[in-house]
């Protein structure tokens, strides 16, 4: 049983940097606006419209970084997406 007074153990392999950037998910047939909430060298957490259909693999455009990443969907919870970028 966990102690509610103790901080949760960090299970992530890479430290996340909190950010607030706009991005676009680009697929073969559509574009989906998103916001980037945290980011590290190998991944990011995105927020999208909960009804958006996001494929397993896509291109993530981040104008603030002048960057284009190949991305893979790793998890989804409502409007939050965890993606691996490479």
C-alpha atoms as a PDB file:
ATOM      1  CA  UNK A   1       0.000   0.000   0.000  1.00  0.00           C
ATOM      2  CA  UNK A   2       1.316   3.456  -0.895  1.00  0.00           C
ATOM      3  CA  UNK A   3       1.579   6.273   1.592  1.00  0.00           C
ATOM      4  CA  UNK A   4      -0.507   9.258   0.346  1.00  0.00           C
ATOM      5  CA  UNK A   5       1.861  11.643   2.155  1.00  0.00           C
ATOM      6  CA  UNK A   6       4.864  10.480   0.129  1.00  0.00           C
ATOM      7  CA  UNK A   7       5.545  11.806  -3.388  1.00  0.00           C
ATOM      8  CA  UNK A   8       4.915   9.380  -6.235  1.00  0.00           C
ATOM      9  CA  UNK A   9       7.931   7.587  -7.620  1.00  0.00           C
ATOM     10  CA  UNK A  10       8.975   8.919 -11.023  1.00  0.00           C
ATOM     11  CA  UNK A  11       8.776   6.082 -13.562  1.00  0.00           C
ATOM     12  CA  UNK A  12       9.859   7.996 -16.640  1.00  0.00           C
ATOM     13  CA  UNK A  13      13.184   7.293 -18.295  1.00  0.00           C
ATOM     14  CA  UNK A  14      13.690  10.898 -19.484  1.00  0.00           C
ATOM     15  CA  UNK A  15      13.016  14.111 -17.559  1.00  0.00           C
ATOM     16  CA  UNK A  16      10.273  16.209 -19.163  1.00  0.00           C
ATOM     17  CA  UNK A  17      10.472  19.938 -19.689  1.00  0.00           C
ATOM     18  CA  UNK A  18       7.144  21.699 -19.276  1.00  0.00           C
ATOM     19  CA  UNK A  19       6.358  23.728 -22.384  1.00  0.00           C
ATOM     20  CA  UNK A  20       3.343  25.324 -24.031  1.00  0.00           C
ATOM     21  CA  UNK A  21       3.789  25.227 -27.783  1.00  0.00           C
ATOM     22  CA  UNK A  22       1.380  24.901 -30.659  1.00  0.00           C
ATOM     23  CA  UNK A  23       1.832  22.046 -33.089  1.00  0.00           C
ATOM     24  CA  UNK A  24       0.195  20.236 -35.958  1.00  0.00           C
ATOM     25  CA  UNK A  25      -0.216  16.505 -36.425  1.00  0.00           C
ATOM     26  CA  UNK A  26       0.096  15.744 -40.142  1.00  0.00           C
ATOM     27  CA  UNK A  27      -1.236  12.514 -41.640  1.00  0.00           C
ATOM     28  CA  UNK A  28      -1.716  11.404 -45.222  1.00  0.00           C
ATOM     29  CA  UNK A  29      -5.321  12.590 -45.181  1.00  0.00           C
ATOM     30  CA  UNK A  30      -5.603  15.340 -42.553  1.00  0.00           C
ATOM     31  CA  UNK A  31      -4.033  17.856 -40.207  1.00  0.00           C
ATOM     32  CA  UNK A  32      -4.899  18.113 -36.505  1.00  0.00           C
ATOM     33  CA  UNK A  33      -4.035  21.116 -34.340  1.00  0.00           C
ATOM     34  CA  UNK A  34      -2.498  20.265 -30.981  1.00  0.00           C
ATOM     35  CA  UNK A  35      -0.682  21.828 -28.054  1.00  0.00           C
ATOM     36  CA  UNK A  36       2.548  20.428 -26.661  1.00  0.00           C
ATOM     37  CA  UNK A  37       2.530  20.365 -22.849  1.00  0.00           C
ATOM     38  CA  UNK A  38       5.851  18.713 -22.056  1.00  0.00           C
ATOM     39  CA  UNK A  39       8.735  17.571 -24.172  1.00  0.00           C
ATOM     40  CA  UNK A  40      12.069  15.790 -24.034  1.00  0.00           C
ATOM     41  CA  UNK A  41      14.531  14.455 -26.603  1.00  0.00           C
ATOM     42  CA  UNK A  42      12.540  11.253 -27.206  1.00  0.00           C
ATOM     43  CA  UNK A  43       8.912  12.203 -26.667  1.00  0.00           C
ATOM     44  CA  UNK A  44       6.195  14.642 -25.782  1.00  0.00           C
ATOM     45  CA  UNK A  45       2.729  14.962 -24.304  1.00  0.00           C
ATOM     46  CA  UNK A  46       0.210  16.493 -26.666  1.00  0.00           C
ATOM     47  CA  UNK A  47      -3.315  17.773 -26.149  1.00  0.00           C
ATOM     48  CA  UNK A  48      -5.849  17.347 -28.956  1.00  0.00           C
ATOM     49  CA  UNK A  49      -9.606  17.520 -29.378  1.00  0.00           C
ATOM     50  CA  UNK A  50     -10.914  14.349 -27.676  1.00  0.00           C
ATOM     51  CA  UNK A  51     -12.820  13.403 -30.834  1.00  0.00           C
ATOM     52  CA  UNK A  52      -9.712  13.652 -33.058  1.00  0.00           C
ATOM     53  CA  UNK A  53      -8.684  10.430 -34.757  1.00  0.00           C
ATOM     54  CA  UNK A  54      -4.905  10.196 -34.431  1.00  0.00           C
ATOM     55  CA  UNK A  55      -3.080   7.388 -36.258  1.00  0.00           C
ATOM     56  CA  UNK A  56      -0.296   5.263 -34.781  1.00  0.00           C
ATOM     57  CA  UNK A  57       2.374   7.152 -36.802  1.00  0.00           C
ATOM     58  CA  UNK A  58       2.422  10.741 -38.039  1.00  0.00           C
ATOM     59  CA  UNK A  59       4.520  13.864 -38.574  1.00  0.00           C
ATOM     60  CA  UNK A  60       4.520  16.459 -35.773  1.00  0.00           C
ATOM     61  CA  UNK A  61       5.220  20.026 -36.904  1.00  0.00           C
ATOM     62  CA  UNK A  62       6.414  22.427 -34.185  1.00  0.00           C
ATOM     63  CA  UNK A  63       6.804  25.951 -35.633  1.00  0.00           C
ATOM     64  CA  UNK A  64       8.301  27.392 -32.402  1.00  0.00           C
ATOM     65  CA  UNK A  65      11.234  24.964 -32.802  1.00  0.00           C
ATOM     66  CA  UNK A  66      11.245  25.197 -36.607  1.00  0.00           C
ATOM     67  CA  UNK A  67      11.078  21.398 -36.389  1.00  0.00           C
ATOM     68  CA  UNK A  68       9.399  18.443 -38.053  1.00  0.00           C
ATOM     69  CA  UNK A  69       9.435  15.159 -36.133  1.00  0.00           C
ATOM     70  CA  UNK A  70       8.382  11.639 -37.031  1.00  0.00           C
ATOM     71  CA  UNK A  71       6.176  10.512 -34.160  1.00  0.00           C
ATOM     72  CA  UNK A  72       4.547   7.323 -32.871  1.00  0.00           C
ATOM     73  CA  UNK A  73       1.531   7.255 -30.576  1.00  0.00           C
ATOM     74  CA  UNK A  74       2.377   5.433 -27.323  1.00  0.00           C
ATOM     75  CA  UNK A  75      -0.691   6.130 -25.154  1.00  0.00           C
ATOM     76  CA  UNK A  76      -3.923   8.142 -25.104  1.00  0.00           C
ATOM     77  CA  UNK A  77      -6.176   9.334 -22.273  1.00  0.00           C
ATOM     78  CA  UNK A  78      -9.080  11.514 -23.434  1.00  0.00           C
ATOM     79  CA  UNK A  79      -7.457  14.664 -24.882  1.00  0.00           C
ATOM     80  CA  UNK A  80      -3.888  13.717 -23.828  1.00  0.00           C
ATOM     81  CA  UNK A  81      -1.470  11.812 -26.063  1.00  0.00           C
ATOM     82  CA  UNK A  82       1.953  10.448 -25.244  1.00  0.00           C
ATOM     83  CA  UNK A  83       4.169  10.249 -28.305  1.00  0.00           C
ATOM     84  CA  UNK A  84       7.651   9.034 -29.071  1.00  0.00           C
ATOM     85  CA  UNK A  85       9.548  11.369 -31.398  1.00  0.00           C
ATOM     86  CA  UNK A  86      12.494  10.398 -33.538  1.00  0.00           C
END
